[in-house]
Protein backbone atom coordinates (compact mmCIF):
# COMPACT_ATOMS: atom_id res chain seq x y z
CA MET A 1 30.74 28.41 -14.14
CA GLU A 2 28.54 27.93 -17.18
CA PRO A 3 27.23 24.38 -17.78
CA GLY A 4 29.65 22.43 -19.95
CA ARG A 5 32.38 25.06 -19.63
CA ASP A 6 35.84 23.84 -18.66
CA ARG A 7 37.66 25.27 -15.70
CA MET A 8 40.79 27.24 -16.48
CA ILE A 9 43.61 26.23 -14.13
CA PHE A 10 47.19 27.53 -14.07
CA HIS A 11 50.12 25.86 -12.33
CA CYS A 12 52.91 28.36 -11.72
CA ASP A 13 56.36 26.96 -10.93
CA LEU A 14 59.23 29.32 -10.08
CA ASN A 15 62.35 28.24 -11.97
CA GLY A 16 65.32 27.08 -9.85
CA PHE A 17 63.78 29.04 -7.01
CA TYR A 18 66.42 28.90 -4.27
CA ALA A 19 69.25 29.43 -6.75
CA SER A 20 67.38 32.25 -8.50
CA VAL A 21 66.84 34.11 -5.24
CA GLU A 22 70.53 33.72 -4.33
CA CYS A 23 71.49 35.18 -7.72
CA LEU A 24 69.23 38.18 -7.05
CA LEU A 25 70.91 38.69 -3.68
CA ARG A 26 74.39 38.25 -5.20
CA PRO A 27 74.32 39.05 -8.96
CA GLU A 28 77.93 37.90 -9.40
CA LEU A 29 76.70 34.31 -8.93
CA ARG A 30 75.05 34.46 -12.36
CA ALA A 31 78.46 34.34 -14.04
CA GLY A 32 78.85 30.57 -13.73
CA PRO A 33 77.44 27.31 -12.39
CA MET A 34 76.22 27.62 -8.79
CA ALA A 35 74.15 25.62 -6.33
CA VAL A 36 72.51 26.07 -2.94
CA CYS A 37 73.45 23.51 -0.31
CA GLY A 38 73.19 23.14 3.44
CA ASP A 39 76.88 23.18 4.31
CA PRO A 40 79.32 24.22 1.57
CA GLU A 41 82.24 22.92 3.67
CA SER A 42 80.86 19.39 3.93
CA ARG A 43 81.34 16.83 1.18
CA HIS A 44 78.30 14.99 2.50
CA GLY A 45 75.86 17.89 2.39
CA ILE A 46 73.27 17.79 -0.38
CA ILE A 47 72.36 20.06 -3.27
CA LEU A 48 69.08 21.89 -2.59
CA ALA A 49 68.90 23.85 -5.86
CA LYS A 50 71.05 24.75 -8.84
CA ASN A 51 71.05 27.29 -11.67
CA GLU A 52 70.76 26.52 -15.37
CA GLN A 53 74.53 26.50 -15.91
CA ALA A 54 74.98 23.85 -13.22
CA LYS A 55 72.10 21.86 -14.65
CA ARG A 56 73.96 21.64 -17.98
CA TYR A 57 76.78 19.83 -16.16
CA GLY A 58 74.27 17.29 -14.86
CA VAL A 59 74.18 18.64 -11.29
CA ALA A 60 71.01 17.29 -9.68
CA THR A 61 68.95 18.27 -6.66
CA ALA A 62 69.43 15.98 -3.61
CA GLU A 63 72.78 14.58 -4.73
CA THR A 64 75.76 15.03 -2.43
CA ILE A 65 78.20 17.89 -2.78
CA TRP A 66 81.07 15.59 -3.69
CA GLN A 67 78.99 14.05 -6.50
CA ALA A 68 78.11 17.52 -7.82
CA ARG A 69 81.73 18.69 -7.68
CA ARG A 70 82.86 15.61 -9.55
CA LYS A 71 80.55 16.63 -12.41
CA CYS A 72 81.35 20.33 -12.15
CA PRO A 73 84.67 21.18 -10.44
CA ASP A 74 84.05 24.95 -10.80
CA LEU A 75 80.67 24.80 -9.06
CA THR A 76 80.11 27.73 -6.66
CA LEU A 77 78.28 26.66 -3.49
CA VAL A 78 76.26 28.95 -1.22
CA PRO A 79 74.27 28.28 1.97
CA PRO A 80 70.46 28.67 1.97
CA HIS A 81 68.70 31.83 3.16
CA HIS A 82 65.24 30.57 3.98
CA GLU A 83 63.90 33.86 5.26
CA GLU A 84 64.53 35.35 1.81
CA TYR A 85 62.89 32.40 0.04
CA TYR A 86 59.73 32.81 2.09
CA ARG A 87 59.74 36.56 1.52
CA TYR A 88 59.94 36.10 -2.24
CA SER A 89 57.35 33.30 -2.18
CA LYS A 90 54.89 35.53 -0.36
CA TRP A 91 55.63 38.39 -2.75
CA VAL A 92 54.96 36.23 -5.81
CA ASN A 93 51.71 34.83 -4.39
CA ARG A 94 50.50 38.38 -3.76
CA ILE A 95 51.10 39.06 -7.46
CA TYR A 96 49.03 35.99 -8.37
CA GLU A 97 46.20 37.32 -6.21
CA ARG A 98 45.89 40.35 -8.50
CA PHE A 99 44.57 38.00 -11.18
CA THR A 100 42.38 35.69 -9.07
CA ASP A 101 41.45 35.11 -5.45
CA ARG A 102 41.71 31.34 -6.03
CA VAL A 103 45.41 30.75 -5.29
CA GLU A 104 46.60 27.50 -3.70
CA PRO A 105 50.32 27.27 -2.83
CA PHE A 106 51.88 23.82 -3.36
CA GLY A 107 55.11 24.12 -1.46
CA ILE A 108 57.20 27.28 -1.39
CA ASP A 109 57.79 27.68 -5.14
CA GLU A 110 54.62 26.38 -6.80
CA SER A 111 50.98 27.50 -6.82
CA TRP A 112 47.78 26.59 -8.58
CA LEU A 113 45.53 29.41 -9.79
CA ASP A 114 41.89 29.03 -10.82
CA VAL A 115 41.21 31.89 -13.24
CA THR A 116 37.88 30.52 -14.50
CA GLY A 117 35.90 33.33 -12.92
CA THR A 118 38.32 36.17 -13.72
CA LEU A 119 39.69 35.32 -17.16
CA HIS A 120 37.16 37.58 -18.87
CA LEU A 121 38.55 40.55 -16.94
CA PHE A 122 41.90 40.11 -18.68
CA GLY A 123 40.79 39.60 -22.26
CA GLY A 124 39.63 35.98 -22.14
CA ASP A 125 42.80 34.43 -23.60
CA ALA A 126 44.31 32.00 -21.08
CA LYS A 127 47.75 31.76 -22.68
CA ALA A 128 48.00 35.54 -22.95
CA LEU A 129 47.08 35.87 -19.27
CA ALA A 130 49.69 33.27 -18.27
CA ASP A 131 52.30 35.21 -20.27
CA THR A 132 51.20 38.41 -18.53
CA ILE A 133 51.65 36.80 -15.12
CA ARG A 134 55.11 35.53 -16.08
CA ARG A 135 56.12 38.98 -17.33
CA THR A 136 54.74 40.71 -14.22
CA VAL A 137 56.61 38.40 -11.86
CA ARG A 138 59.83 38.76 -13.84
CA GLU A 139 59.64 42.57 -14.00
CA GLU A 140 58.70 43.07 -10.35
CA THR A 141 60.76 40.39 -8.60
CA GLY A 142 63.45 39.33 -11.09
CA LEU A 143 62.26 35.69 -10.90
CA THR A 144 61.12 33.58 -13.82
CA LEU A 145 58.44 30.93 -13.79
CA SER A 146 56.93 28.30 -16.03
CA VAL A 147 53.15 28.10 -16.30
CA GLY A 148 50.99 25.15 -17.25
CA VAL A 149 47.49 26.01 -18.48
CA SER A 150 44.83 23.31 -18.53
CA PHE A 151 41.34 22.25 -17.50
CA ASN A 152 42.45 20.51 -14.28
CA LYS A 153 45.19 20.74 -11.68
CA ILE A 154 47.08 17.58 -12.66
CA TYR A 155 47.45 18.50 -16.32
CA ALA A 156 48.34 22.09 -15.40
CA LYS A 157 51.19 20.71 -13.28
CA LEU A 158 52.36 18.58 -16.21
CA GLY A 159 52.26 21.71 -18.35
CA SER A 160 54.52 23.74 -16.06
CA ASP A 161 57.04 20.87 -16.07
CA TYR A 162 56.85 20.40 -19.86
CA ARG A 163 58.93 23.44 -20.88
CA LYS A 164 61.43 25.25 -18.66
CA PRO A 165 62.55 27.84 -17.91
CA ASP A 166 60.23 30.85 -18.37
CA ALA A 167 57.62 29.25 -20.62
CA THR A 168 53.87 28.76 -20.96
CA THR A 169 52.44 25.40 -22.05
CA VAL A 170 48.74 24.96 -22.81
CA ILE A 171 47.29 21.46 -22.43
CA SER A 172 43.77 21.55 -23.83
CA ARG A 173 40.99 19.12 -24.65
CA GLU A 174 42.29 19.16 -28.21
CA ASN A 175 45.98 18.43 -27.61
CA TYR A 176 46.29 16.58 -24.28
CA ARG A 177 46.67 13.15 -25.86
CA GLU A 178 49.48 14.45 -28.05
CA ILE A 179 51.34 16.18 -25.20
CA VAL A 180 50.53 14.14 -22.10
CA TYR A 181 50.14 10.55 -23.22
CA PRO A 182 53.74 10.00 -24.45
CA LEU A 183 55.23 11.27 -21.17
CA PRO A 184 56.78 8.77 -18.72
CA VAL A 185 54.30 7.69 -16.08
CA THR A 186 56.76 8.90 -13.44
CA ASP A 187 56.07 12.48 -14.62
CA LEU A 188 52.53 12.20 -13.24
CA LEU A 189 51.97 13.84 -9.87
CA TYR A 190 51.79 11.31 -7.00
CA VAL A 191 53.46 8.46 -8.91
CA GLY A 192 56.21 7.67 -6.43
CA ARG A 193 58.85 4.95 -6.50
CA SER A 194 56.58 2.21 -5.14
CA ALA A 195 53.68 3.00 -7.48
CA ALA A 196 56.06 3.24 -10.43
CA GLN A 197 57.39 -0.24 -9.69
CA THR A 198 53.88 -1.67 -9.54
CA LEU A 199 52.92 0.06 -12.79
CA ARG A 200 56.08 -1.20 -14.53
CA ALA A 201 55.19 -4.73 -13.44
CA LEU A 202 51.85 -4.23 -15.21
CA GLY A 203 53.63 -3.09 -18.37
CA ILE A 204 52.69 0.58 -17.87
CA ARG A 205 55.46 3.01 -18.74
CA THR A 206 53.69 6.07 -20.17
CA ILE A 207 50.80 8.20 -18.98
CA GLY A 208 48.82 7.16 -22.04
CA GLU A 209 49.24 3.49 -21.16
CA LEU A 210 48.03 4.25 -17.64
CA ALA A 211 44.99 6.13 -18.96
CA GLY A 212 44.07 3.20 -21.19
CA PHE A 213 44.63 0.50 -18.58
CA ASP A 214 41.84 -1.42 -16.86
CA ARG A 215 40.75 0.76 -13.92
CA ALA A 216 39.38 -2.15 -11.90
CA LEU A 217 42.68 -4.04 -12.17
CA LEU A 218 44.56 -0.94 -11.03
CA ALA A 219 42.23 -0.75 -8.03
CA ARG A 220 43.02 -4.37 -7.15
CA ARG A 221 46.75 -3.73 -7.31
CA LEU A 222 46.97 -0.22 -5.82
CA GLY A 223 43.65 0.29 -4.05
CA ARG A 224 41.92 3.65 -4.35
CA MET A 225 45.22 5.21 -5.33
CA GLY A 226 45.17 3.05 -8.47
CA GLU A 227 41.79 4.48 -9.43
CA ALA A 228 43.02 8.00 -8.69
CA LEU A 229 46.15 7.62 -10.82
CA HIS A 230 44.09 6.25 -13.69
CA ASP A 231 41.77 9.26 -13.52
CA TYR A 232 44.66 11.70 -13.27
CA ALA A 233 46.27 10.18 -16.36
CA ALA A 234 42.98 10.32 -18.28
CA GLY A 235 42.37 13.98 -17.44
CA LEU A 236 39.46 13.30 -15.08
CA ASP A 237 40.78 15.19 -12.06
CA ASP A 238 38.16 17.59 -10.70
CA SER A 239 39.78 18.62 -7.41
CA PRO A 240 39.27 22.30 -6.56
CA VAL A 241 41.87 25.00 -6.19
CA ARG A 242 41.69 25.82 -2.50
CA SER A 243 42.06 29.46 -1.61
CA ALA A 244 43.27 30.93 1.66
CA TYR A 245 40.03 32.90 1.61
CA ASP A 246 38.14 29.64 2.10
CA GLU A 247 39.17 29.76 5.75
CA ARG A 248 38.27 32.46 8.25
CA GLU A 249 40.99 33.83 10.50
CA VAL A 250 41.97 31.44 13.27
CA LYS A 251 43.95 31.94 16.44
CA SER A 252 44.89 28.32 17.06
CA VAL A 253 44.23 24.88 15.62
CA GLY A 254 43.82 21.87 17.87
CA ASN A 255 42.22 18.44 18.07
CA GLY A 256 41.58 16.18 21.04
CA MET A 257 40.44 12.60 21.38
CA THR A 258 39.11 10.39 24.13
CA PHE A 259 40.26 6.94 23.11
CA ARG A 260 38.25 3.74 22.94
CA ARG A 261 40.59 2.28 25.54
CA ASN A 262 43.40 3.70 27.62
CA LEU A 263 46.81 4.20 26.04
CA VAL A 264 49.23 2.06 28.00
CA SER A 265 52.26 1.41 25.78
CA GLU A 266 54.68 3.59 23.86
CA ARG A 267 53.16 2.22 20.66
CA ASP A 268 49.66 3.27 21.77
CA VAL A 269 50.82 6.77 22.63
CA ARG A 270 52.66 7.23 19.34
CA ALA A 271 49.61 6.07 17.38
CA GLY A 272 47.31 8.49 19.20
CA VAL A 273 49.69 11.42 18.92
CA MET A 274 50.31 10.83 15.22
CA ALA A 275 46.58 10.76 14.43
CA LEU A 276 46.08 14.09 16.20
CA CYS A 277 49.17 15.74 14.70
CA ASP A 278 48.11 14.61 11.23
CA SER A 279 44.71 16.26 11.70
CA VAL A 280 46.12 19.50 13.12
CA ALA A 281 48.77 19.79 10.39
CA THR A 282 46.19 19.19 7.65
CA ARG A 283 44.03 22.01 8.94
CA LEU A 284 47.00 24.35 9.35
CA ARG A 285 47.94 23.80 5.70
CA ARG A 286 44.36 24.25 4.55
CA ALA A 287 44.22 27.61 6.35
CA GLY A 288 47.64 28.64 5.01
CA LEU A 289 49.10 28.82 8.52
CA ASP A 290 52.18 27.85 10.50
CA CYS A 291 52.25 27.44 14.27
CA ARG A 292 55.14 28.62 16.40
CA VAL A 293 54.03 27.04 19.67
CA LEU A 294 52.88 23.46 20.29
CA GLN A 295 50.65 22.62 23.25
CA ILE A 296 49.57 19.21 24.53
CA GLN A 297 47.06 18.16 27.17
CA VAL A 298 47.20 14.68 28.69
CA ARG A 299 44.41 13.25 30.85
CA SER A 300 44.50 10.06 32.90
CA PRO A 301 41.51 7.75 33.56
CA ASP A 302 41.05 9.44 36.98
CA PHE A 303 40.82 12.84 35.18
CA ARG A 304 44.20 14.13 36.30
CA THR A 305 45.21 16.53 33.53
CA ILE A 306 48.48 18.22 32.66
CA SER A 307 49.14 20.85 30.00
CA ARG A 308 52.57 21.53 28.51
CA GLN A 309 53.81 23.63 25.63
CA LYS A 310 57.02 24.40 23.75
CA GLN A 311 58.32 26.83 21.18
CA MET A 312 58.94 25.07 17.88
CA ALA A 313 62.42 25.37 16.41
CA ARG A 314 60.81 26.70 13.24
CA PRO A 315 57.21 27.71 12.45
CA THR A 316 55.60 24.61 10.98
CA HIS A 317 52.58 23.03 9.33
CA LEU A 318 54.14 19.56 9.12
CA ALA A 319 52.66 16.59 10.99
CA ALA A 320 56.10 14.98 11.36
CA GLU A 321 57.48 18.03 13.20
CA LEU A 322 54.39 18.39 15.40
CA PHE A 323 54.67 14.69 16.26
CA ASP A 324 58.33 14.99 17.28
CA GLY A 325 57.51 17.99 19.47
CA ALA A 326 54.48 16.36 21.09
CA MET A 327 56.37 13.16 21.91
CA GLU A 328 59.19 15.21 23.44
CA LEU A 329 56.69 16.96 25.74
CA ILE A 330 55.01 13.69 26.73
CA HIS A 331 58.30 11.95 27.50
CA ALA A 332 59.38 14.90 29.64
CA SER A 333 56.17 15.24 31.66
CA TRP A 334 54.24 11.94 31.74
CA LYS A 335 55.48 8.87 33.57
CA GLU A 336 55.98 5.99 31.18
CA GLY A 337 53.33 3.29 31.62
CA THR A 338 50.78 5.59 33.27
CA PRO A 339 47.49 5.10 31.38
CA ILE A 340 46.27 7.95 29.18
CA ARG A 341 42.57 8.43 28.56
CA MET A 342 42.56 11.60 26.47
CA LEU A 343 45.07 13.63 24.45
CA THR A 344 44.85 17.06 22.85
CA VAL A 345 47.36 18.58 20.43
CA THR A 346 47.11 22.29 19.58
CA GLY A 347 49.12 24.57 17.34
CA GLU A 348 49.32 28.03 18.93
CA SER A 349 50.72 31.42 17.88
CA VAL A 350 49.69 30.87 14.28
CA THR A 351 50.99 33.06 11.47
CA PRO A 352 50.62 33.00 7.67
CA GLN A 353 52.87 30.33 6.23
CA GLY A 354 56.45 31.55 5.90
CA GLU A 355 55.85 34.91 7.57
CA ALA A 356 57.89 34.17 10.69
CA GLU A 357 60.58 31.99 9.10
CA GLN A 358 64.07 32.71 10.40
CA LEU A 359 67.51 31.92 9.06
CA SER A 360 67.87 28.15 8.98
CA LEU A 361 70.24 26.55 11.47
CA PHE A 362 69.67 23.13 9.91
CA ASP A 363 72.21 21.43 7.68
CA GLY A 364 71.56 20.49 4.06
CA TRP A 365 70.16 17.08 4.92
CA GLU A 366 67.55 18.59 7.25
CA ASP A 367 66.56 21.25 4.73
CA GLY A 368 66.13 18.63 2.03
CA ARG A 369 64.16 16.40 4.39
CA ARG A 370 61.84 19.27 5.34
CA GLU A 371 61.14 20.12 1.70
CA ARG A 372 60.35 16.47 0.93
CA LEU A 373 58.00 16.26 3.94
CA ASP A 374 56.25 19.44 2.81
CA ARG A 375 55.61 18.06 -0.67
CA LEU A 376 54.50 14.70 0.73
CA GLU A 377 51.99 16.19 3.16
CA HIS A 378 50.57 18.54 0.51
CA ALA A 379 50.16 15.49 -1.75
CA MET A 380 48.23 13.74 1.02
CA ASP A 381 45.93 16.76 1.28
CA HIS A 382 45.17 16.56 -2.41
CA ILE A 383 44.31 12.85 -2.24
CA ARG A 384 42.04 13.39 0.77
CA ASP A 385 40.27 16.30 -0.89
CA LYS A 386 39.31 14.02 -3.75
CA PHE A 387 38.64 10.71 -1.99
CA GLY A 388 37.97 11.56 1.64
CA ARG A 389 40.17 11.66 4.72
CA GLU A 390 40.15 7.89 5.12
CA ALA A 391 41.76 7.42 1.69
CA ILE A 392 45.22 7.88 3.18
CA GLN A 393 46.08 7.61 6.86
CA PRO A 394 49.12 7.07 9.08
CA GLY A 395 49.88 3.36 9.25
CA SER A 396 49.47 3.42 13.03
CA ALA A 397 45.82 4.49 12.61
CA ILE A 398 44.90 1.34 10.71
CA GLY A 399 43.86 -1.92 12.35
CA ASN A 400 44.07 -0.74 15.96
CA ASP A 401 41.48 -0.82 18.74
CA LEU A 402 41.91 2.79 19.85
CA GLY A 403 39.18 4.25 17.66
CA LEU A 404 41.56 6.09 15.31
CA GLU A 405 40.54 4.58 12.00
CA HIS A 406 37.73 6.30 10.03
CA ARG A 407 37.02 8.54 12.96
CA LYS A 408 37.02 12.31 13.12
CA PRO A 409 38.69 13.50 16.31
CA ILE A 410 36.73 15.63 18.76
CA ASN A 411 37.29 19.29 17.89
CA LYS A 412 39.03 21.08 20.73
CA THR A 413 39.98 24.17 18.73
CA LYS A 414 39.90 27.40 20.68
CA ARG A 415 37.21 29.82 19.67
CA TYR A 416 37.68 33.10 17.93
CA GLU A 417 35.26 35.81 16.92
CA GLY A 418 32.79 34.40 14.41
CA GLY A 419 33.25 30.68 15.11
CA THR A 420 35.91 28.02 15.47
CA ALA A 421 38.78 27.03 13.27
CA GLU A 422 36.98 23.91 12.04
């Protein structure tokens, strides 16, 4: 990139993704308000996605079916088809890769694109290129998307949210104060409920007020996250768009750790397992991979070692799901109270994210929970990329005497041709 030249970042957000795919599979659903939910027969299932007609009735994602039906009695409900969502997601990302090799998925329906190095190949006009991408996706897949165009990832995300559906919004050095600063602070990526409450207590309600607030005071109230949110609001985000091409092909991803002292209690074991699962999941996401098989190794102080593995219910890159699987294996194979000296957690049978996804057997609550976990763990990746891995850690890794805090686990990743997965 030329000195002084801004990056050119797109954030592409597929509109009403689940509902849009269902309407492609069943065109008759376009005739009226419809929503995707886990169990159409259950009043307590939740809404996973809705079309524009349902949105006009006030139907909201994550509300219960009975709440949605109260707003819209004629609402048509359909179950999710996750294998189709992943197929379309992969299809759309392949289209993005025609325009740049710097494509970073952010969940199943959103991706960042860095077109800084390729924009000149398509005429040099960023808005025109974004419109071309929208048109190409619509013509080839039938899906619409909104694109935010800006000089960093955070503002690009704000741009894609600014106008929906099927729109391009450019947030530039010249207009960002006009567009971004009046927006509610809750529109800013990574401002969750807790942070929003703290900011409201400080009198901060808009992104502009956050950008103009004392950075040092924010750091005292919110720690490093306070500094990060200030910089995001002020347009100072410089985090890179991570491409799948940044990682060489891997066959498995695993980390092991010999602890500072033996693990003797359930709390010790859970802390150790969570630290390892967090590391493995982070690296799976960074490589754009899911694992279908989870393997653990447990070693006692006298070097007795066992190895166990299990097939995951669904291919995953989520630390929470790896943790549940690892604890299940440990409880089934290791006598409670027996000291543990070393643990290894490995994700095996890796595939590109979404490639091996099967029809979901989970109800609406589980599907919604999985989507929220996916967004949360991707958000953690982004924070760590900018401020270092220690910027955000599992609570169990902080203040213990096991050697988990501020420590990189020993790499136990299996080798493949050309190196390791590290």
